[in-house]
């Protein structure tokens, strides 16, 4: 436990030195708060951007606050996923290339302690970025649209956090398979993208898929309850994330032998 805490604190300091605690929260916040702002000012944006005939009246239905937050999750599901992968891709490969991994593993450190410290450090920064951005989006949504109940907010936040945890778990496993940061990002994005595509093509057989987490979170926002098979999706995501951490630990042991 002591070794894990030491490694975890090292990760926190390292993420501070390389600027992840600055650029990742700022980027996620900008992506998130752009949704309620652009939704509110969309008629003015279209009017000023397009060459519309004189007297044209633009009428866009005003979305509800819940719909705005659901749109925010959609934004995070694309650009946000990419940013989370980019923030995670060099967690292990960076230390391999710099040679500091050899110094760390020369001490009485277990592979599981090393992998869990990397995983926990990335979870801390990615979830903090998401939670801050989502809370700010909720604030602007309440100011510009109707108020969204905080219970609904917390429910959708908790569900979508599992998707971020899965992203980090995939990136950690990829980091034990490849040495190149670009390759790690590529295989992680391909896996997540393939999971989403397969889920869309075989809906009947992929009702458990973690890629349905945004659908489950949206159901909480719009209907106030879990979507059909929502509990199955939550459980499968947790199991898959844990499985990837276990596989990453096993692969890390073998990888370090060569």
Protein backbone atom coordinates (compact mmCIF):
# COMPACT_ATOMS: atom_id res chain seq x y z
CA UNK A 1 0.00 0.00 0.00
CA UNK A 2 2.84 2.36 0.85
CA UNK A 3 4.51 1.73 -2.52
CA UNK A 4 1.24 2.37 -4.32
CA UNK A 5 0.70 5.70 -2.54
CA UNK A 6 4.27 6.75 -3.30
CA UNK A 7 3.84 5.92 -6.99
CA UNK A 8 0.44 7.60 -7.07
CA UNK A 9 1.86 10.83 -5.65
CA UNK A 10 4.64 10.63 -8.21
CA UNK A 11 1.99 10.45 -10.93
CA UNK A 12 0.22 13.51 -9.54
CA UNK A 13 3.45 15.52 -9.54
CA UNK A 14 4.37 14.30 -13.01
CA UNK A 15 0.97 15.28 -14.42
CA UNK A 16 1.43 18.71 -12.87
CA UNK A 17 4.91 19.15 -14.36
CA UNK A 18 3.88 18.13 -17.87
CA UNK A 19 0.85 20.44 -17.81
CA UNK A 20 -1.92 17.83 -17.96
CA UNK A 21 -3.63 19.42 -14.97
CA UNK A 22 -3.91 22.60 -17.05
CA UNK A 23 -4.54 21.76 -20.68
CA UNK A 24 -6.89 18.80 -20.22
CA UNK A 25 -9.41 20.48 -17.86
CA UNK A 26 -9.33 23.68 -19.94
CA UNK A 27 -9.91 21.80 -23.19
CA UNK A 28 -12.76 19.69 -21.79
CA UNK A 29 -14.38 22.73 -20.17
CA UNK A 30 -14.28 24.70 -23.45
CA UNK A 31 -15.83 21.79 -25.35
CA UNK A 32 -18.57 21.33 -22.75
CA UNK A 33 -19.67 24.91 -22.15
CA UNK A 34 -19.76 25.59 -25.89
CA UNK A 35 -22.88 23.41 -26.09
CA UNK A 36 -25.29 25.57 -24.02
CA UNK A 37 -23.81 28.81 -25.37
CA UNK A 38 -24.07 27.86 -29.05
CA UNK A 39 -27.53 26.34 -28.50
CA UNK A 40 -28.76 29.59 -26.97
CA UNK A 41 -27.26 31.90 -29.59
CA UNK A 42 -27.78 29.63 -32.62
CA UNK A 43 -30.45 31.85 -34.29
CA UNK A 44 -28.13 34.88 -34.08
CA UNK A 45 -25.20 32.82 -35.35
CA UNK A 46 -27.16 31.59 -38.36
CA UNK A 47 -28.48 35.07 -39.09
CA UNK A 48 -25.03 36.66 -39.06
CA UNK A 49 -23.30 33.81 -40.93
CA UNK A 50 -25.72 33.18 -43.79
CA UNK A 51 -26.77 35.31 -46.78
CA UNK A 52 -30.47 35.06 -46.04
CA UNK A 53 -33.16 36.99 -47.95
CA UNK A 54 -34.39 40.15 -46.27
CA UNK A 55 -37.22 39.50 -43.87
CA UNK A 56 -36.31 35.87 -43.29
CA UNK A 57 -37.28 34.75 -39.80
CA UNK A 58 -35.33 31.92 -38.22
CA UNK A 59 -37.29 29.89 -35.71
CA UNK A 60 -35.42 27.17 -33.87
CA UNK A 61 -37.22 25.28 -31.11
CA UNK A 62 -35.66 26.10 -27.76
CA UNK A 63 -34.14 22.92 -26.32
CA UNK A 64 -34.70 21.96 -22.72
CA UNK A 65 -31.86 22.02 -20.22
CA UNK A 66 -31.84 18.24 -20.18
CA UNK A 67 -31.45 18.14 -23.97
CA UNK A 68 -28.56 20.59 -23.79
CA UNK A 69 -26.75 18.40 -21.25
CA UNK A 70 -27.41 15.36 -23.43
CA UNK A 71 -25.84 17.22 -26.34
CA UNK A 72 -22.82 17.97 -24.16
CA UNK A 73 -22.34 14.25 -23.54
CA UNK A 74 -22.48 13.76 -27.29
CA UNK A 75 -19.69 16.29 -27.75
CA UNK A 76 -17.59 14.57 -25.12
CA UNK A 77 -18.27 11.22 -26.73
CA UNK A 78 -16.30 12.28 -29.82
CA UNK A 79 -13.76 15.04 -29.19
CA UNK A 80 -13.62 14.34 -25.46
CA UNK A 81 -12.78 10.67 -26.01
CA UNK A 82 -9.89 11.67 -28.27
CA UNK A 83 -8.53 14.09 -25.67
CA UNK A 84 -8.77 11.51 -22.89
CA UNK A 85 -6.85 9.01 -25.02
CA UNK A 86 -4.18 11.60 -25.85
CA UNK A 87 -3.79 12.38 -22.16
CA UNK A 88 -3.38 8.69 -21.33
CA UNK A 89 -1.25 7.37 -24.18
CA UNK A 90 2.18 8.26 -22.79
CA UNK A 91 1.59 7.13 -19.20
CA UNK A 92 3.76 4.02 -19.59
CA UNK A 93 5.52 4.57 -22.92
CA UNK A 94 6.96 7.90 -21.75
CA UNK A 95 8.76 6.23 -18.87
CA UNK A 96 9.95 3.40 -21.10
CA UNK A 97 11.53 5.84 -23.54
CA UNK A 98 13.12 8.02 -20.86
CA UNK A 99 14.50 5.01 -18.98
CA UNK A 100 12.87 5.98 -15.68
CA UNK A 101 10.78 2.81 -15.72
CA UNK A 102 13.93 0.75 -15.17
CA UNK A 103 14.76 2.80 -12.08
CA UNK A 104 11.23 2.41 -10.70
CA UNK A 105 11.05 -1.35 -11.22
CA UNK A 106 14.54 -1.85 -9.75
CA UNK A 107 12.95 -1.05 -6.39
CA UNK A 108 10.63 -3.43 -4.49
CA UNK A 109 7.61 -2.44 -6.60
CA UNK A 110 5.06 -4.99 -7.75
CA UNK A 111 3.70 -4.75 -11.32
CA UNK A 112 0.14 -4.43 -9.95
CA UNK A 113 1.22 -1.46 -7.83
CA UNK A 114 2.78 0.24 -10.83
CA UNK A 115 -0.20 -0.36 -13.13
CA UNK A 116 -2.74 0.70 -10.50
CA UNK A 117 -0.81 3.92 -9.74
CA UNK A 118 -0.85 4.82 -13.45
CA UNK A 119 -4.53 3.91 -13.73
CA UNK A 120 -5.53 5.84 -10.60
CA UNK A 121 -3.49 8.88 -11.59
CA UNK A 122 -5.17 9.06 -14.99
CA UNK A 123 -8.60 8.44 -13.49
CA UNK A 124 -8.03 11.37 -11.11
CA UNK A 125 -7.17 13.87 -13.83
CA UNK A 126 -9.72 12.71 -16.41
CA UNK A 127 -12.66 12.50 -14.00
CA UNK A 128 -11.75 15.84 -12.41
CA UNK A 129 -11.72 17.42 -15.87
CA UNK A 130 -15.07 15.87 -16.76
CA UNK A 131 -16.77 16.73 -13.46
CA UNK A 132 -15.61 20.37 -13.54
CA UNK A 133 -16.72 20.79 -17.16
CA UNK A 134 -20.08 19.10 -16.56
CA UNK A 135 -20.81 21.23 -13.49
CA UNK A 136 -19.97 24.43 -15.39
CA UNK A 137 -22.17 23.29 -18.27
CA UNK A 138 -24.99 22.64 -15.79
CA UNK A 139 -24.54 26.16 -14.39
CA UNK A 140 -24.73 27.81 -17.82
CA UNK A 141 -27.64 25.57 -18.80
CA UNK A 142 -29.58 26.65 -15.71
CA UNK A 143 -28.87 30.29 -16.52
CA UNK A 144 -29.77 30.14 -20.23
CA UNK A 145 -32.46 27.45 -20.23
CA UNK A 146 -34.59 25.73 -17.61
CA UNK A 147 -33.12 24.39 -14.38
CA UNK A 148 -32.02 20.75 -14.34
CA UNK A 149 -32.46 18.81 -11.11
CA UNK A 150 -29.17 18.08 -9.38
CA UNK A 151 -30.19 14.45 -8.81
CA UNK A 152 -30.54 13.98 -12.57
CA UNK A 153 -27.21 15.73 -13.07
CA UNK A 154 -25.40 13.44 -10.62
CA UNK A 155 -26.99 10.31 -12.08
CA UNK A 156 -25.95 11.09 -15.64
CA UNK A 157 -22.51 12.20 -14.43
CA UNK A 158 -21.92 8.93 -12.58
CA UNK A 159 -22.99 6.84 -15.58
CA UNK A 160 -20.82 8.71 -18.08
CA UNK A 161 -17.84 8.57 -15.71
CA UNK A 162 -17.76 4.82 -16.34
CA UNK A 163 -17.08 5.51 -20.03
CA UNK A 164 -14.07 7.65 -19.09
CA UNK A 165 -12.81 4.91 -16.76
CA UNK A 166 -13.08 2.45 -19.66
CA UNK A 167 -11.09 4.81 -21.92
CA UNK A 168 -8.29 4.99 -19.35
CA UNK A 169 -8.34 1.20 -18.88
CA UNK A 170 -8.05 0.64 -22.64
CA UNK A 171 -5.16 3.10 -22.86
CA UNK A 172 -3.33 1.46 -19.96
CA UNK A 173 -3.67 -1.99 -21.56
CA UNK A 174 -2.50 -0.58 -24.91
CA UNK A 175 0.51 0.93 -23.15
CA UNK A 176 1.64 -2.55 -22.11
CA UNK A 177 1.30 -3.84 -25.68
CA UNK A 178 3.16 -1.11 -27.57
CA UNK A 179 6.07 1.22 -26.94
CA UNK A 180 5.03 4.05 -29.27
CA UNK A 181 2.66 6.72 -27.94
CA UNK A 182 1.09 7.13 -31.38
CA UNK A 183 0.49 3.40 -31.66
CA UNK A 184 -1.09 3.32 -28.20
CA UNK A 185 -3.45 6.16 -29.14
CA UNK A 186 -4.27 4.50 -32.45
CA UNK A 187 -5.11 1.09 -31.04
CA UNK A 188 -7.15 2.63 -28.21
CA UNK A 189 -9.21 4.80 -30.55
CA UNK A 190 -9.67 1.91 -32.98
CA UNK A 191 -10.92 -0.37 -30.21
CA UNK A 192 -13.38 2.20 -28.86
CA UNK A 193 -14.53 3.12 -32.37
CA UNK A 194 -14.95 -0.52 -33.38
CA UNK A 195 -16.94 -1.19 -30.22
CA UNK A 196 -19.28 1.70 -31.08
CA UNK A 197 -19.70 0.59 -34.71
CA UNK A 198 -20.35 -3.05 -33.83
CA UNK A 199 -22.88 -1.98 -31.20
CA UNK A 200 -24.71 0.11 -33.78
CA UNK A 201 -24.74 -2.71 -36.33
CA UNK A 202 -25.75 -5.52 -33.98
CA UNK A 203 -28.00 -3.77 -31.49
CA UNK A 204 -29.87 -6.92 -30.56
CA UNK A 205 -26.70 -8.77 -29.55
CA UNK A 206 -24.82 -5.82 -28.07
CA UNK A 207 -27.34 -4.58 -25.53
CA UNK A 208 -24.62 -4.98 -22.87
CA UNK A 209 -22.07 -2.86 -24.75
CA UNK A 210 -20.30 -0.03 -22.85
CA UNK A 211 -20.75 2.19 -25.90
CA UNK A 212 -24.40 2.48 -24.81
CA UNK A 213 -23.38 4.40 -21.69
CA UNK A 214 -24.18 7.75 -23.32
CA UNK A 215 -27.62 6.39 -24.19
CA UNK A 216 -28.11 5.34 -20.57
CA UNK A 217 -26.93 8.74 -19.28
CA UNK A 218 -29.22 10.51 -21.76
CA UNK A 219 -32.14 8.38 -20.57
CA UNK A 220 -31.51 9.57 -17.02
CA UNK A 221 -31.50 13.19 -18.21
CA UNK A 222 -34.61 13.02 -20.39
CA UNK A 223 -36.69 10.36 -18.64
CA UNK A 224 -35.30 10.35 -15.11
CA UNK A 225 -34.56 6.62 -15.15
CA UNK A 226 -32.17 4.05 -16.58
CA UNK A 227 -32.68 2.96 -20.17
CA UNK A 228 -33.69 -0.61 -20.93
CA UNK A 229 -30.82 -2.97 -20.05
CA UNK A 230 -29.09 0.01 -18.42
CA UNK A 231 -27.97 -1.95 -15.39
CA UNK A 232 -26.45 -4.60 -17.65
CA UNK A 233 -24.48 -1.90 -19.48
CA UNK A 234 -23.14 -0.51 -16.20
CA UNK A 235 -22.07 -3.91 -14.92
CA UNK A 236 -20.43 -4.94 -18.19
CA UNK A 237 -18.44 -1.69 -18.29
CA UNK A 238 -17.16 -2.19 -14.75
CA UNK A 239 -16.22 -5.82 -15.44
CA UNK A 240 -14.52 -4.95 -18.75
CA UNK A 241 -12.53 -2.12 -17.15
CA UNK A 242 -11.33 -4.37 -14.33
CA UNK A 243 -10.48 -7.12 -16.80
CA UNK A 244 -8.34 -4.73 -18.81
CA UNK A 245 -6.44 -3.64 -15.71
CA UNK A 246 -5.79 -7.30 -14.85
CA UNK A 247 -4.65 -8.05 -18.41
CA UNK A 248 -2.44 -4.94 -18.35
CA UNK A 249 -0.75 -6.19 -15.18
CA UNK A 250 -0.19 -9.65 -16.67
CA UNK A 251 1.09 -8.20 -19.93
CA UNK A 252 3.35 -5.76 -18.09
CA UNK A 253 5.07 -8.65 -16.31
CA UNK A 254 5.78 -10.40 -19.62
CA UNK A 255 6.73 -7.19 -21.40
CA UNK A 256 9.37 -6.33 -18.80
CA UNK A 257 11.07 -9.68 -19.28
CA UNK A 258 12.26 -8.67 -22.76
